[in-house]
């Protein structure tokens, strides 16, 4: 058993620390370990708490004589979490059944994510901005040369340049928004919000677009809809995106139906479905719709002002809310985008 003074020191650390015996049974877990892995601190088998063969093998090597083994380990949680795991021998003179080891797990997900986000950001920006920048350069050269004194061409090119500049601005804004969401998605919101209020505000804000597209919006909200746990601004962004997509991809003269109701299959969550009457989506595309810059029809998406990031943003907001998106679609019959959100549990 560890001395009280040693336990006090380990409990003061922010990283999770376990002490295991020769049978890989946990004999001590500090406060950070109990909080992170939801254990009572001892007598659990290591593999039941950290279900990873890499950890089991590292512990075995140390218990058999190696001084220290370190590695990176990714565990599946709400989102994949990467740890720097270090296993160190305790009491080097003790062997066999008396051998012990101390294991520390430091969450380094933010470091690896920052590295990946930087790589993705550079790759995405260089790819997506190349086309409008090339167009802008061509327009400028034309205005400086052949169309220098052509007022009609000048007005047309300036309109095109403004459109490209606005698209680049939207793209950069969405990329920054996505990066911010990925950095905070491990921290679930704790506020309670009125979903009906959010939906009615979003529908009201999209009326000008629905009028332009000749598409009606029908909102149905169940009586006494319970409050949900969430961030009002982020949830507004989710439904703004889904409903606006429904409007833009629906056929003129049709209706986008939004229904908010308790989920009949789960008593502690709501289902908010957005049903459009568009052309539908081929099933082969559905699994990739929430990927960055994935477009079924790239030309049409750009013509509608899309950046290819809307559903990726929706996905990461819902991950932070411990919620999820389900897409159901058939060619020629439209699509249903359903959001499942946890409700505020009553005591």
Protein backbone atom coordinates (compact mmCIF):
# COMPACT_ATOMS: atom_id res chain seq x y z
CA UNK A 1 0.00 0.00 0.00
CA UNK A 2 1.25 3.51 -0.75
CA UNK A 3 2.13 5.80 2.10
CA UNK A 4 -0.37 8.55 2.88
CA UNK A 5 2.15 11.21 1.96
CA UNK A 6 2.68 9.62 -1.48
CA UNK A 7 -1.07 9.35 -2.02
CA UNK A 8 -1.44 13.03 -1.16
CA UNK A 9 1.20 13.96 -3.73
CA UNK A 10 -0.38 11.80 -6.44
CA UNK A 11 -3.83 13.19 -5.67
CA UNK A 12 -2.47 16.68 -6.28
CA UNK A 13 -1.52 15.84 -9.88
CA UNK A 14 -3.76 16.80 -12.79
CA UNK A 15 -2.86 13.67 -14.78
CA UNK A 16 -4.50 10.31 -14.12
CA UNK A 17 -2.28 7.96 -12.10
CA UNK A 18 -2.80 4.28 -11.25
CA UNK A 19 -0.75 1.83 -9.22
CA UNK A 20 -1.13 -1.82 -10.27
CA UNK A 21 0.06 -5.09 -8.79
CA UNK A 22 1.66 -8.05 -10.52
CA UNK A 23 -1.74 -9.26 -11.77
CA UNK A 24 -2.51 -5.87 -13.33
CA UNK A 25 -5.15 -5.13 -10.73
CA UNK A 26 -5.48 -1.46 -9.75
CA UNK A 27 -4.51 -0.93 -6.12
CA UNK A 28 -4.64 2.86 -6.18
CA UNK A 29 -6.08 5.56 -8.42
CA UNK A 30 -5.60 9.26 -7.78
CA UNK A 31 -8.43 11.80 -7.86
CA UNK A 32 -7.80 12.66 -11.52
CA UNK A 33 -7.96 8.96 -12.47
CA UNK A 34 -11.22 8.42 -10.59
CA UNK A 35 -12.77 11.47 -12.23
CA UNK A 36 -11.53 10.71 -15.74
CA UNK A 37 -12.25 6.96 -15.80
CA UNK A 38 -15.18 6.79 -13.38
CA UNK A 39 -13.76 4.25 -10.96
CA UNK A 40 -13.73 3.99 -7.18
CA UNK A 41 -9.96 3.79 -7.12
CA UNK A 42 -8.92 0.19 -6.57
CA UNK A 43 -9.49 -3.54 -7.17
CA UNK A 44 -10.52 -3.05 -10.79
CA UNK A 45 -8.61 -4.94 -13.47
CA UNK A 46 -6.51 -2.56 -15.55
CA UNK A 47 -7.93 -3.78 -18.86
CA UNK A 48 -11.51 -3.14 -17.71
CA UNK A 49 -10.62 0.50 -17.06
CA UNK A 50 -8.26 1.03 -20.00
CA UNK A 51 -9.45 -1.44 -22.66
CA UNK A 52 -6.39 -1.28 -24.87
CA UNK A 53 -3.97 -4.10 -25.63
CA UNK A 54 -1.12 -1.61 -25.94
CA UNK A 55 -1.55 -0.58 -22.31
CA UNK A 56 -1.80 -4.19 -21.13
CA UNK A 57 1.38 -5.17 -22.98
CA UNK A 58 3.29 -2.11 -21.73
CA UNK A 59 2.32 -2.94 -18.14
CA UNK A 60 3.36 -6.57 -18.64
CA UNK A 61 6.79 -5.54 -19.92
CA UNK A 62 7.41 -3.32 -16.91
CA UNK A 63 6.16 -5.88 -14.40
CA UNK A 64 8.56 -8.41 -15.92
CA UNK A 65 11.60 -6.21 -15.49
CA UNK A 66 11.73 -3.17 -17.80
CA UNK A 67 12.15 0.13 -15.98
CA UNK A 68 9.86 2.36 -18.06
CA UNK A 69 7.69 2.06 -21.16
CA UNK A 70 6.03 5.07 -22.78
CA UNK A 71 3.67 5.32 -25.73
CA UNK A 72 0.77 7.26 -27.19
CA UNK A 73 -2.64 5.70 -26.79
CA UNK A 74 -5.98 6.69 -28.31
CA UNK A 75 -9.15 5.69 -26.48
CA UNK A 76 -12.65 6.03 -27.89
CA UNK A 77 -14.78 8.34 -25.78
CA UNK A 78 -17.44 10.81 -26.91
CA UNK A 79 -14.63 11.82 -29.24
CA UNK A 80 -11.33 9.91 -29.62
CA UNK A 81 -8.93 10.95 -26.85
CA UNK A 82 -5.14 10.62 -27.14
CA UNK A 83 -3.02 10.06 -24.05
CA UNK A 84 0.70 9.99 -23.37
CA UNK A 85 0.94 6.79 -21.30
CA UNK A 86 3.98 6.07 -19.12
CA UNK A 87 4.39 2.84 -17.17
CA UNK A 88 7.19 2.81 -14.57
CA UNK A 89 8.42 0.08 -12.25
CA UNK A 90 7.90 0.60 -8.51
CA UNK A 91 10.21 -1.02 -5.97
CA UNK A 92 12.84 -2.32 -8.40
CA UNK A 93 13.98 -4.89 -5.86
CA UNK A 94 10.54 -6.55 -5.75
CA UNK A 95 9.88 -9.19 -8.40
CA UNK A 96 7.34 -11.83 -9.27
CA UNK A 97 4.06 -11.62 -7.38
CA UNK A 98 5.29 -8.62 -5.40
CA UNK A 99 6.06 -6.48 -8.45
CA UNK A 100 4.18 -3.20 -8.85
CA UNK A 101 4.00 -0.46 -11.48
CA UNK A 102 2.74 3.08 -11.65
CA UNK A 103 0.86 4.25 -14.74
CA UNK A 104 0.25 7.86 -15.73
CA UNK A 105 -2.01 9.05 -18.54
CA UNK A 106 -1.74 12.63 -19.75
CA UNK A 107 -4.40 13.87 -22.17
CA UNK A 108 -2.51 15.29 -25.17
CA UNK A 109 -5.48 15.35 -27.54
CA UNK A 110 -5.34 19.15 -27.80
CA UNK A 111 -1.72 18.95 -28.99
CA UNK A 112 -2.40 16.34 -31.66
CA UNK A 113 -5.61 18.07 -32.73
CA UNK A 114 -3.84 21.42 -33.03
CA UNK A 115 -1.23 19.81 -35.27
CA UNK A 116 -3.89 18.16 -37.43
CA UNK A 117 -6.01 21.31 -37.56
CA UNK A 118 -3.00 23.29 -38.80
CA UNK A 119 -2.32 20.70 -41.50
CA UNK A 120 -6.00 20.56 -42.52
CA UNK A 121 -6.37 24.33 -42.47
CA UNK A 122 -3.40 24.88 -44.79
CA UNK A 123 -4.51 22.10 -47.15
CA UNK A 124 -8.15 23.22 -47.22
CA UNK A 125 -7.45 26.91 -47.63
CA UNK A 126 -4.86 26.41 -50.36
CA UNK A 127 -7.26 24.14 -52.27
CA UNK A 128 -10.52 26.08 -51.83
CA UNK A 129 -9.09 29.59 -52.27
CA UNK A 130 -7.02 28.80 -55.35
CA UNK A 131 -9.98 28.93 -57.75
CA UNK A 132 -11.49 32.29 -56.67
CA UNK A 133 -8.03 33.85 -56.35
CA UNK A 134 -7.19 32.74 -59.89
CA UNK A 135 -10.48 34.24 -61.09
CA UNK A 136 -9.81 37.52 -59.28
CA UNK A 137 -6.35 37.75 -60.80
CA UNK A 138 -7.81 37.17 -64.27
CA UNK A 139 -10.51 39.83 -63.81
CA UNK A 140 -7.98 42.37 -62.55
CA UNK A 141 -5.65 41.73 -65.51
CA UNK A 142 -8.59 42.13 -67.90
CA UNK A 143 -9.70 45.39 -66.27
CA UNK A 144 -6.16 46.70 -66.44
CA UNK A 145 -5.85 45.71 -70.10
CA UNK A 146 -8.49 45.01 -72.77
CA UNK A 147 -11.49 46.11 -70.69
CA UNK A 148 -9.85 49.17 -69.20
CA UNK A 149 -12.26 51.58 -70.89
CA UNK A 150 -15.22 49.22 -71.30
CA UNK A 151 -17.83 50.34 -68.74
CA UNK A 152 -20.16 47.38 -69.38
CA UNK A 153 -17.37 44.81 -68.92
CA UNK A 154 -16.09 46.69 -65.88
CA UNK A 155 -19.46 46.46 -64.10
CA UNK A 156 -19.82 42.77 -64.94
CA UNK A 157 -16.31 41.90 -63.77
CA UNK A 158 -16.68 43.93 -60.59
CA UNK A 159 -19.85 42.00 -59.73
CA UNK A 160 -18.01 38.70 -60.29
CA UNK A 161 -15.05 39.90 -58.21
CA UNK A 162 -17.37 40.88 -55.36
CA UNK A 163 -19.02 37.45 -55.49
CA UNK A 164 -15.66 35.66 -55.31
CA UNK A 165 -14.45 37.92 -52.48
CA UNK A 166 -17.63 37.25 -50.48
CA UNK A 167 -17.27 33.51 -51.02
CA UNK A 168 -13.68 33.61 -49.73
CA UNK A 169 -14.82 35.60 -46.71
CA UNK A 170 -17.54 33.01 -45.94
CA UNK A 171 -15.04 30.21 -46.38
CA UNK A 172 -12.51 31.72 -43.97
CA UNK A 173 -15.28 32.44 -41.46
CA UNK A 174 -16.51 28.83 -41.63
CA UNK A 175 -12.99 27.44 -41.29
CA UNK A 176 -12.33 29.56 -38.22
CA UNK A 177 -15.69 28.55 -36.76
CA UNK A 178 -14.93 24.89 -37.38
CA UNK A 179 -11.49 25.15 -35.76
CA UNK A 180 -12.99 26.82 -32.70
CA UNK A 181 -15.65 24.11 -32.40
CA UNK A 182 -13.11 21.30 -32.66
CA UNK A 183 -11.04 22.88 -29.91
CA UNK A 184 -14.01 23.03 -27.51
CA UNK A 185 -16.05 19.94 -28.43
CA UNK A 186 -14.78 17.97 -25.41
CA UNK A 187 -16.45 20.47 -23.08
CA UNK A 188 -20.20 19.86 -23.10
CA UNK A 189 -22.47 22.90 -22.60
CA UNK A 190 -24.36 23.09 -19.31
CA UNK A 191 -26.96 25.80 -20.01
CA UNK A 192 -30.62 24.99 -20.53
CA UNK A 193 -32.31 26.48 -23.57
CA UNK A 194 -35.80 26.67 -25.01
CA UNK A 195 -35.64 24.89 -28.34
CA UNK A 196 -39.01 26.17 -29.55
CA UNK A 197 -37.80 29.76 -29.19
CA UNK A 198 -34.67 28.96 -31.20
CA UNK A 199 -36.60 27.25 -33.98
CA UNK A 200 -39.15 30.06 -34.32
CA UNK A 201 -36.38 32.65 -34.54
CA UNK A 202 -34.54 30.66 -37.20
CA UNK A 203 -37.71 30.17 -39.24
CA UNK A 204 -38.50 33.91 -39.04
CA UNK A 205 -34.97 34.83 -40.14
CA UNK A 206 -35.20 32.51 -43.17
CA UNK A 207 -38.55 33.77 -44.46
CA UNK A 208 -36.93 36.12 -47.03
CA UNK A 209 -34.97 33.20 -48.50
CA UNK A 210 -38.03 30.93 -48.54
CA UNK A 211 -40.02 33.65 -50.33
CA UNK A 212 -37.26 34.06 -52.91
CA UNK A 213 -37.06 30.30 -53.48
CA UNK A 214 -40.87 29.93 -53.50
CA UNK A 215 -40.66 27.36 -50.70
CA UNK A 216 -42.92 27.36 -47.65
CA UNK A 217 -41.77 26.54 -44.10
CA UNK A 218 -44.05 24.59 -41.77
CA UNK A 219 -42.99 24.34 -38.12
CA UNK A 220 -44.71 21.90 -35.76
CA UNK A 221 -43.70 21.84 -32.09
CA UNK A 222 -45.10 19.35 -29.57
CA UNK A 223 -46.95 20.76 -26.58
CA UNK A 224 -44.82 21.23 -23.44
CA UNK A 225 -41.58 20.53 -25.27
CA UNK A 226 -38.94 20.00 -22.55
CA UNK A 227 -35.87 22.20 -22.23
CA UNK A 228 -32.61 20.95 -23.70
CA UNK A 229 -29.02 21.19 -22.56
CA UNK A 230 -27.12 23.34 -25.00
CA UNK A 231 -25.60 26.54 -26.30
CA UNK A 232 -28.30 28.73 -27.87
CA UNK A 233 -26.00 30.33 -30.46
CA UNK A 234 -24.56 27.02 -31.60
CA UNK A 235 -27.95 25.33 -31.83
CA UNK A 236 -29.21 28.31 -33.82
CA UNK A 237 -26.32 27.71 -36.22
CA UNK A 238 -27.28 24.02 -36.54
CA UNK A 239 -30.91 24.66 -37.45
CA UNK A 240 -30.10 27.71 -39.57
CA UNK A 241 -27.88 25.48 -41.68
CA UNK A 242 -30.27 22.52 -41.93
CA UNK A 243 -33.41 24.55 -42.65
CA UNK A 244 -31.66 26.83 -45.14
CA UNK A 245 -30.33 23.77 -46.97
CA UNK A 246 -33.86 22.35 -47.01
CA UNK A 247 -35.17 25.56 -48.57
CA UNK A 248 -32.43 25.83 -51.19
CA UNK A 249 -32.59 22.20 -52.29
CA UNK A 250 -36.38 21.87 -52.33
CA UNK A 251 -38.35 22.22 -55.53
CA UNK A 252 -40.20 25.53 -56.04
CA UNK A 253 -43.76 25.48 -54.77
CA UNK A 254 -43.05 22.81 -52.14
CA UNK A 255 -42.72 22.87 -48.36
CA UNK A 256 -39.96 22.29 -45.80
CA UNK A 257 -41.51 20.61 -42.77
CA UNK A 258 -39.84 20.97 -39.36
CA UNK A 259 -41.10 18.84 -36.47
CA UNK A 260 -39.82 19.07 -32.89
CA UNK A 261 -41.02 16.34 -30.58
CA UNK A 262 -39.91 13.88 -27.88
CA UNK A 263 -38.04 10.96 -29.39
CA UNK A 264 -40.41 7.97 -29.16
CA UNK A 265 -37.45 5.58 -28.88
CA UNK A 266 -35.64 7.43 -26.08
CA UNK A 267 -37.34 9.20 -23.18
CA UNK A 268 -34.47 11.57 -22.46
CA UNK A 269 -34.00 13.14 -25.86
CA UNK A 270 -35.80 15.19 -28.48
CA UNK A 271 -36.00 14.62 -32.20
CA UNK A 272 -36.03 17.62 -34.52
CA UNK A 273 -36.54 16.61 -38.14
CA UNK A 274 -36.18 18.82 -41.20
CA UNK A 275 -37.92 17.29 -44.21
CA UNK A 276 -37.43 18.78 -47.67
CA UNK A 277 -39.01 17.93 -51.01
CA UNK A 278 -35.90 18.07 -53.12
CA UNK A 279 -34.30 15.63 -55.50
CA UNK A 280 -33.06 13.37 -52.69
CA UNK A 281 -29.57 12.02 -52.11
CA UNK A 282 -28.02 8.85 -53.47
CA UNK A 283 -27.36 6.57 -50.45
CA UNK A 284 -23.68 6.21 -51.39
CA UNK A 285 -23.13 9.90 -50.55
CA UNK A 286 -24.88 10.00 -47.16
CA UNK A 287 -21.99 8.69 -44.99
CA UNK A 288 -19.70 11.45 -46.32
CA UNK A 289 -22.04 14.43 -46.19
CA UNK A 290 -20.56 15.74 -42.92
CA UNK A 291 -16.97 15.64 -44.22
CA UNK A 292 -15.24 18.94 -44.87
CA UNK A 293 -15.73 20.17 -48.43
CA UNK A 294 -17.60 17.06 -49.54
CA UNK A 295 -20.13 18.07 -52.18
CA UNK A 296 -22.41 15.90 -54.29
CA UNK A 297 -22.75 18.60 -56.96
CA UNK A 298 -19.84 21.01 -56.57
CA UNK A 299 -21.05 23.45 -59.18
CA UNK A 300 -24.55 23.73 -57.72
CA UNK A 301 -23.23 24.06 -54.17
CA UNK A 302 -20.97 26.96 -55.15
CA UNK A 303 -23.76 28.63 -57.15
CA UNK A 304 -25.87 28.57 -53.97
CA UNK A 305 -23.07 30.20 -51.97
CA UNK A 306 -22.09 27.07 -50.06
CA UNK A 307 -18.60 26.59 -48.67
CA UNK A 308 -18.82 22.82 -48.23
CA UNK A 309 -18.39 23.19 -44.46
CA UNK A 310 -21.97 23.62 -43.23
CA UNK A 311 -22.70 20.01 -42.30
CA UNK A 312 -19.19 19.54 -40.88
CA UNK A 313 -19.92 22.45 -38.53
CA UNK A 314 -23.29 20.89 -37.64
CA UNK A 315 -21.57 17.58 -36.84
CA UNK A 316 -19.01 19.14 -34.48
CA UNK A 317 -21.62 21.27 -32.70
CA UNK A 318 -23.70 18.16 -32.10
CA UNK A 319 -20.68 16.22 -30.84
CA UNK A 320 -20.12 18.95 -28.26
CA UNK A 321 -23.81 18.69 -27.27
CA UNK A 322 -23.55 14.89 -26.98
CA UNK A 323 -26.15 14.78 -29.73
CA UNK A 324 -26.16 13.34 -33.22
CA UNK A 325 -27.48 13.77 -36.76
CA UNK A 326 -29.30 11.12 -38.78
CA UNK A 327 -29.88 11.51 -42.52
CA UNK A 328 -32.57 9.61 -44.39
CA UNK A 329 -33.03 10.20 -48.11
CA UNK A 330 -34.31 8.59 -51.27
CA UNK A 331 -33.77 9.79 -54.81
CA UNK A 332 -36.79 11.64 -56.07
CA UNK A 333 -38.48 11.71 -52.64
CA UNK A 334 -36.50 14.34 -50.75
CA UNK A 335 -34.48 14.09 -47.53
CA UNK A 336 -34.99 14.13 -43.77
CA UNK A 337 -32.24 15.52 -41.53
CA UNK A 338 -32.99 14.56 -37.92
CA UNK A 339 -31.20 15.98 -34.88
CA UNK A 340 -31.38 14.07 -31.58
CA UNK A 341 -30.71 16.25 -28.51
CA UNK A 342 -30.58 15.33 -24.80
CA UNK A 343 -33.24 16.99 -22.67
CA UNK A 344 -32.86 18.43 -19.19
CA UNK A 345 -33.47 15.54 -16.83
CA UNK A 346 -35.95 16.21 -14.08
CA UNK A 347 -35.18 14.98 -10.58
